[in-house]
Amino acid sequence: DVAVQFQGHHKTHRDALVATIQKLGGRPVAEKSLDEYAKALGAASLKSQADVLDLAARLELGATNAYLSVIPAMGDRELAKVAARLAADETMHFTVLTGALGRALPPGALSFGA
């Protein structure tokens, strides 16, 4: 149920990014096929639920840090706001997945986006 909920969040993220890019006069990159995504993520090597959760947690952490790293360079406040909201969602996803894996959260403050 949680994975399906996160999938819905990510579809909303995609739509928000597409709308923002288009509003700013840009053109979003083309969507890849499911096979291309699976190959890029090494899905064939996933053997257990823990493997899937670990991959998902790493991807969520990477997305969090990516969004946070670009915000300072953004001159458009609306674009920065979208990126910050996406980073917050990705952080939530990372936190849930970390808990599902039985791992501790990062011990210190300001642990994301560094």
N, C-alpha and C. Protein backbone atom coordinates (compact mmCIF):
# COMPACT_ATOMS: atom_id res chain seq x y z
N ASP A 1 0.82 -1.20 0.00
CA ASP A 1 0.00 0.00 0.00
C ASP A 1 0.86 1.27 0.00
N VAL A 2 1.93 1.22 0.79
CA VAL A 2 2.81 2.39 0.87
C VAL A 2 3.53 2.60 -0.46
N ALA A 3 3.97 1.53 -1.09
CA ALA A 3 4.65 1.66 -2.38
C ALA A 3 3.73 2.28 -3.43
N VAL A 4 2.47 1.88 -3.42
CA VAL A 4 1.51 2.45 -4.37
C VAL A 4 1.27 3.92 -4.05
N GLN A 5 1.22 4.25 -2.77
CA GLN A 5 1.06 5.66 -2.38
C GLN A 5 2.27 6.48 -2.85
N PHE A 6 3.48 5.95 -2.65
CA PHE A 6 4.68 6.66 -3.11
C PHE A 6 4.68 6.80 -4.63
N GLN A 7 4.21 5.76 -5.32
CA GLN A 7 4.13 5.84 -6.79
C GLN A 7 3.22 7.00 -7.19
N GLY A 8 2.10 7.15 -6.50
CA GLY A 8 1.21 8.28 -6.77
C GLY A 8 1.89 9.61 -6.51
N HIS A 9 2.66 9.68 -5.42
CA HIS A 9 3.41 10.91 -5.13
C HIS A 9 4.37 11.21 -6.28
N HIS A 10 5.08 10.19 -6.74
CA HIS A 10 6.08 10.41 -7.80
C HIS A 10 5.43 10.82 -9.12
N LYS A 11 4.26 10.32 -9.40
CA LYS A 11 3.55 10.76 -10.61
C LYS A 11 3.16 12.23 -10.47
N THR A 12 2.75 12.63 -9.27
CA THR A 12 2.43 14.04 -9.04
C THR A 12 3.69 14.89 -9.15
N HIS A 13 4.83 14.38 -8.65
CA HIS A 13 6.10 15.09 -8.78
C HIS A 13 6.43 15.29 -10.26
N ARG A 14 6.29 14.22 -11.03
CA ARG A 14 6.57 14.31 -12.47
C ARG A 14 5.72 15.38 -13.11
N ASP A 15 4.44 15.36 -12.81
CA ASP A 15 3.52 16.34 -13.40
C ASP A 15 3.86 17.76 -12.99
N ALA A 16 4.26 17.94 -11.73
CA ALA A 16 4.64 19.28 -11.26
C ALA A 16 5.91 19.77 -11.95
N LEU A 17 6.86 18.86 -12.12
CA LEU A 17 8.10 19.23 -12.81
C LEU A 17 7.84 19.56 -14.27
N VAL A 18 7.04 18.73 -14.93
CA VAL A 18 6.71 18.99 -16.35
C VAL A 18 6.04 20.35 -16.49
N ALA A 19 5.04 20.62 -15.65
CA ALA A 19 4.32 21.89 -15.73
C ALA A 19 5.25 23.07 -15.47
N THR A 20 6.14 22.94 -14.49
CA THR A 20 7.06 24.03 -14.16
C THR A 20 8.05 24.26 -15.29
N ILE A 21 8.60 23.19 -15.83
CA ILE A 21 9.56 23.31 -16.94
C ILE A 21 8.89 23.98 -18.14
N GLN A 22 7.68 23.55 -18.45
CA GLN A 22 6.97 24.13 -19.59
C GLN A 22 6.61 25.59 -19.33
N LYS A 23 6.21 25.91 -18.12
CA LYS A 23 5.86 27.29 -17.76
C LYS A 23 7.07 28.22 -17.94
N LEU A 24 8.25 27.67 -17.69
CA LEU A 24 9.47 28.46 -17.83
C LEU A 24 10.02 28.44 -19.26
N GLY A 25 9.28 27.81 -20.17
CA GLY A 25 9.68 27.79 -21.57
C GLY A 25 10.58 26.64 -21.96
N GLY A 26 10.77 25.70 -21.09
CA GLY A 26 11.62 24.56 -21.38
C GLY A 26 10.84 23.37 -21.92
N ARG A 27 11.58 22.34 -22.22
CA ARG A 27 10.98 21.11 -22.75
C ARG A 27 11.47 19.94 -21.90
N PRO A 28 10.56 19.24 -21.22
CA PRO A 28 10.97 18.11 -20.38
C PRO A 28 11.60 16.99 -21.20
N VAL A 29 12.46 16.22 -20.55
CA VAL A 29 13.06 15.07 -21.22
C VAL A 29 11.98 14.03 -21.50
N ALA A 30 12.23 13.20 -22.49
CA ALA A 30 11.27 12.14 -22.85
C ALA A 30 11.31 11.03 -21.79
N GLU A 31 10.15 10.45 -21.55
CA GLU A 31 10.05 9.34 -20.62
C GLU A 31 10.72 8.11 -21.22
N LYS A 32 11.41 7.34 -20.39
CA LYS A 32 12.02 6.09 -20.83
C LYS A 32 11.01 4.96 -20.69
N SER A 33 11.30 3.83 -21.33
CA SER A 33 10.45 2.65 -21.18
C SER A 33 10.72 2.00 -19.82
N LEU A 34 9.81 1.16 -19.36
CA LEU A 34 10.01 0.45 -18.10
C LEU A 34 11.26 -0.42 -18.15
N ASP A 35 11.53 -1.03 -19.29
CA ASP A 35 12.73 -1.86 -19.45
C ASP A 35 13.99 -1.02 -19.28
N GLU A 36 13.99 0.18 -19.85
CA GLU A 36 15.16 1.06 -19.71
C GLU A 36 15.39 1.45 -18.25
N TYR A 37 14.31 1.77 -17.54
CA TYR A 37 14.44 2.10 -16.12
C TYR A 37 14.94 0.88 -15.33
N ALA A 38 14.36 -0.28 -15.61
CA ALA A 38 14.76 -1.49 -14.89
C ALA A 38 16.24 -1.79 -15.09
N LYS A 39 16.70 -1.66 -16.33
CA LYS A 39 18.11 -1.92 -16.63
C LYS A 39 19.00 -0.90 -15.92
N ALA A 40 18.64 0.37 -15.99
CA ALA A 40 19.45 1.42 -15.36
C ALA A 40 19.54 1.25 -13.85
N LEU A 41 18.49 0.71 -13.25
CA LEU A 41 18.47 0.53 -11.79
C LEU A 41 19.03 -0.81 -11.35
N GLY A 42 19.36 -1.68 -12.31
CA GLY A 42 19.86 -3.01 -11.96
C GLY A 42 18.80 -3.87 -11.31
N ALA A 43 17.56 -3.74 -11.77
CA ALA A 43 16.44 -4.47 -11.17
C ALA A 43 16.63 -5.98 -11.19
N ALA A 44 17.34 -6.49 -12.18
CA ALA A 44 17.54 -7.94 -12.27
C ALA A 44 18.34 -8.47 -11.08
N SER A 45 19.10 -7.63 -10.42
CA SER A 45 19.92 -8.08 -9.28
C SER A 45 19.16 -8.06 -7.96
N LEU A 46 17.94 -7.55 -7.97
CA LEU A 46 17.16 -7.49 -6.74
C LEU A 46 16.60 -8.88 -6.43
N LYS A 47 16.97 -9.42 -5.27
CA LYS A 47 16.59 -10.80 -4.93
C LYS A 47 15.62 -10.90 -3.76
N SER A 48 15.46 -9.83 -3.02
CA SER A 48 14.63 -9.91 -1.82
C SER A 48 13.89 -8.59 -1.61
N GLN A 49 12.94 -8.64 -0.69
CA GLN A 49 12.23 -7.42 -0.33
C GLN A 49 13.21 -6.39 0.24
N ALA A 50 14.18 -6.84 1.01
CA ALA A 50 15.18 -5.93 1.58
C ALA A 50 15.99 -5.25 0.47
N ASP A 51 16.30 -6.00 -0.59
CA ASP A 51 17.03 -5.40 -1.72
C ASP A 51 16.21 -4.28 -2.35
N VAL A 52 14.92 -4.52 -2.53
CA VAL A 52 14.03 -3.52 -3.14
C VAL A 52 13.92 -2.30 -2.24
N LEU A 53 13.72 -2.53 -0.94
CA LEU A 53 13.61 -1.41 0.00
C LEU A 53 14.91 -0.62 0.06
N ASP A 54 16.05 -1.32 0.04
CA ASP A 54 17.33 -0.63 0.07
C ASP A 54 17.52 0.24 -1.16
N LEU A 55 17.21 -0.30 -2.34
CA LEU A 55 17.31 0.49 -3.57
C LEU A 55 16.40 1.71 -3.48
N ALA A 56 15.16 1.49 -3.05
CA ALA A 56 14.20 2.60 -2.95
C ALA A 56 14.70 3.67 -1.99
N ALA A 57 15.23 3.25 -0.85
CA ALA A 57 15.74 4.22 0.14
C ALA A 57 16.91 5.02 -0.45
N ARG A 58 17.82 4.35 -1.15
CA ARG A 58 18.95 5.06 -1.76
C ARG A 58 18.47 6.05 -2.82
N LEU A 59 17.46 5.65 -3.61
CA LEU A 59 16.94 6.56 -4.63
C LEU A 59 16.25 7.76 -4.00
N GLU A 60 15.50 7.54 -2.94
CA GLU A 60 14.82 8.65 -2.26
C GLU A 60 15.83 9.61 -1.64
N LEU A 61 16.89 9.07 -1.03
CA LEU A 61 17.92 9.93 -0.45
C LEU A 61 18.63 10.72 -1.55
N GLY A 62 18.91 10.06 -2.66
CA GLY A 62 19.54 10.75 -3.78
C GLY A 62 18.67 11.86 -4.32
N ALA A 63 17.37 11.59 -4.43
CA ALA A 63 16.45 12.62 -4.92
C ALA A 63 16.37 13.79 -3.95
N THR A 64 16.29 13.49 -2.66
CA THR A 64 16.27 14.55 -1.64
C THR A 64 17.48 15.46 -1.80
N ASN A 65 18.65 14.85 -1.83
CA ASN A 65 19.88 15.64 -1.91
C ASN A 65 20.00 16.39 -3.23
N ALA A 66 19.52 15.79 -4.31
CA ALA A 66 19.56 16.47 -5.61
C ALA A 66 18.69 17.72 -5.60
N TYR A 67 17.47 17.60 -5.11
CA TYR A 67 16.59 18.77 -5.07
C TYR A 67 17.18 19.85 -4.17
N LEU A 68 17.65 19.46 -3.00
CA LEU A 68 18.20 20.45 -2.08
C LEU A 68 19.44 21.14 -2.64
N SER A 69 20.23 20.40 -3.41
CA SER A 69 21.48 20.98 -3.93
C SER A 69 21.25 22.03 -5.01
N VAL A 70 20.13 21.96 -5.72
CA VAL A 70 19.91 22.92 -6.80
C VAL A 70 19.12 24.16 -6.36
N ILE A 71 18.46 24.09 -5.24
CA ILE A 71 17.62 25.22 -4.80
C ILE A 71 18.41 26.53 -4.71
N PRO A 72 19.61 26.55 -4.12
CA PRO A 72 20.32 27.83 -4.00
C PRO A 72 20.62 28.51 -5.34
N ALA A 73 20.73 27.73 -6.40
CA ALA A 73 21.05 28.30 -7.71
C ALA A 73 19.83 28.80 -8.46
N MET A 74 18.66 28.57 -7.94
CA MET A 74 17.44 28.93 -8.65
C MET A 74 17.09 30.39 -8.43
N GLY A 75 16.95 31.11 -9.52
CA GLY A 75 16.56 32.50 -9.45
C GLY A 75 15.06 32.70 -9.39
N ASP A 76 14.32 31.69 -9.76
CA ASP A 76 12.86 31.76 -9.78
C ASP A 76 12.31 31.18 -8.47
N ARG A 77 11.61 31.99 -7.72
CA ARG A 77 11.09 31.55 -6.41
C ARG A 77 10.08 30.42 -6.54
N GLU A 78 9.25 30.43 -7.58
CA GLU A 78 8.27 29.35 -7.78
C GLU A 78 8.97 28.02 -8.05
N LEU A 79 10.01 28.07 -8.85
CA LEU A 79 10.77 26.85 -9.14
C LEU A 79 11.44 26.34 -7.87
N ALA A 80 12.01 27.23 -7.08
CA ALA A 80 12.63 26.84 -5.81
C ALA A 80 11.59 26.24 -4.87
N LYS A 81 10.39 26.80 -4.87
CA LYS A 81 9.33 26.28 -4.01
C LYS A 81 8.95 24.86 -4.43
N VAL A 82 8.83 24.61 -5.73
CA VAL A 82 8.51 23.26 -6.22
C VAL A 82 9.60 22.29 -5.79
N ALA A 83 10.87 22.68 -5.98
CA ALA A 83 11.98 21.81 -5.61
C ALA A 83 11.99 21.52 -4.11
N ALA A 84 11.69 22.52 -3.30
CA ALA A 84 11.66 22.32 -1.85
C ALA A 84 10.54 21.37 -1.44
N ARG A 85 9.40 21.51 -2.06
CA ARG A 85 8.27 20.62 -1.75
C ARG A 85 8.58 19.19 -2.18
N LEU A 86 9.23 19.03 -3.32
CA LEU A 86 9.62 17.69 -3.77
C LEU A 86 10.64 17.09 -2.81
N ALA A 87 11.61 17.89 -2.38
CA ALA A 87 12.61 17.41 -1.43
C ALA A 87 11.96 16.95 -0.13
N ALA A 88 10.95 17.68 0.33
CA ALA A 88 10.25 17.30 1.55
C ALA A 88 9.56 15.94 1.39
N ASP A 89 8.91 15.73 0.25
CA ASP A 89 8.26 14.44 0.00
C ASP A 89 9.29 13.32 -0.07
N GLU A 90 10.40 13.56 -0.76
CA GLU A 90 11.42 12.52 -0.89
C GLU A 90 12.03 12.19 0.47
N THR A 91 12.19 13.20 1.32
CA THR A 91 12.70 12.96 2.67
C THR A 91 11.73 12.10 3.47
N MET A 92 10.43 12.37 3.32
CA MET A 92 9.42 11.55 3.99
C MET A 92 9.52 10.11 3.51
N HIS A 93 9.65 9.91 2.19
CA HIS A 93 9.75 8.56 1.65
C HIS A 93 11.00 7.85 2.21
N PHE A 94 12.13 8.55 2.20
CA PHE A 94 13.36 7.98 2.74
C PHE A 94 13.17 7.56 4.19
N THR A 95 12.53 8.40 4.97
CA THR A 95 12.32 8.11 6.39
C THR A 95 11.48 6.86 6.59
N VAL A 96 10.40 6.74 5.83
CA VAL A 96 9.54 5.56 5.94
C VAL A 96 10.30 4.30 5.54
N LEU A 97 11.04 4.37 4.44
CA LEU A 97 11.79 3.20 3.97
C LEU A 97 12.90 2.82 4.94
N THR A 98 13.56 3.80 5.52
CA THR A 98 14.59 3.53 6.51
C THR A 98 14.01 2.79 7.70
N GLY A 99 12.83 3.23 8.14
CA GLY A 99 12.15 2.54 9.24
C GLY A 99 11.76 1.12 8.86
N ALA A 100 11.28 0.92 7.63
CA ALA A 100 10.89 -0.42 7.19
C ALA A 100 12.09 -1.36 7.14
N LEU A 101 13.26 -0.81 6.89
CA LEU A 101 14.49 -1.62 6.87
C LEU A 101 15.06 -1.84 8.27
N GLY A 102 14.45 -1.19 9.27
CA GLY A 102 14.94 -1.33 10.64
C GLY A 102 16.22 -0.57 10.90
N ARG A 103 16.48 0.43 10.09
CA ARG A 103 17.70 1.23 10.24
C ARG A 103 17.41 2.49 11.04
N ALA A 104 18.45 2.97 11.67
CA ALA A 104 18.32 4.23 12.41
C ALA A 104 18.33 5.40 11.43
N LEU A 105 17.65 6.45 11.82
CA LEU A 105 17.69 7.68 11.03
C LEU A 105 19.07 8.32 11.20
N PRO A 106 19.43 9.22 10.31
CA PRO A 106 20.72 9.91 10.46
C PRO A 106 20.81 10.53 11.87
N PRO A 107 21.95 10.41 12.52
CA PRO A 107 22.05 10.84 13.92
C PRO A 107 22.07 12.34 14.14
N GLY A 108 22.53 13.09 13.16
CA GLY A 108 22.68 14.52 13.38
C GLY A 108 21.65 15.34 12.64
N ALA A 109 21.57 16.59 13.05
CA ALA A 109 20.70 17.55 12.34
C ALA A 109 21.38 17.97 11.05
N LEU A 110 20.63 18.56 10.16
CA LEU A 110 21.13 19.06 8.88
C LEU A 110 21.84 17.95 8.09
N SER A 111 21.23 16.76 8.11
CA SER A 111 21.87 15.59 7.49
C SER A 111 21.52 15.44 6.01
N PHE A 112 20.60 16.23 5.51
CA PHE A 112 20.22 16.13 4.11
C PHE A 112 20.73 17.33 3.32
N GLY A 113 21.08 17.09 2.07
CA GLY A 113 21.49 18.17 1.19
C GLY A 113 22.91 18.63 1.35
N ALA A 114 23.68 17.92 2.15
CA ALA A 114 25.08 18.32 2.37
C ALA A 114 25.97 17.86 1.23
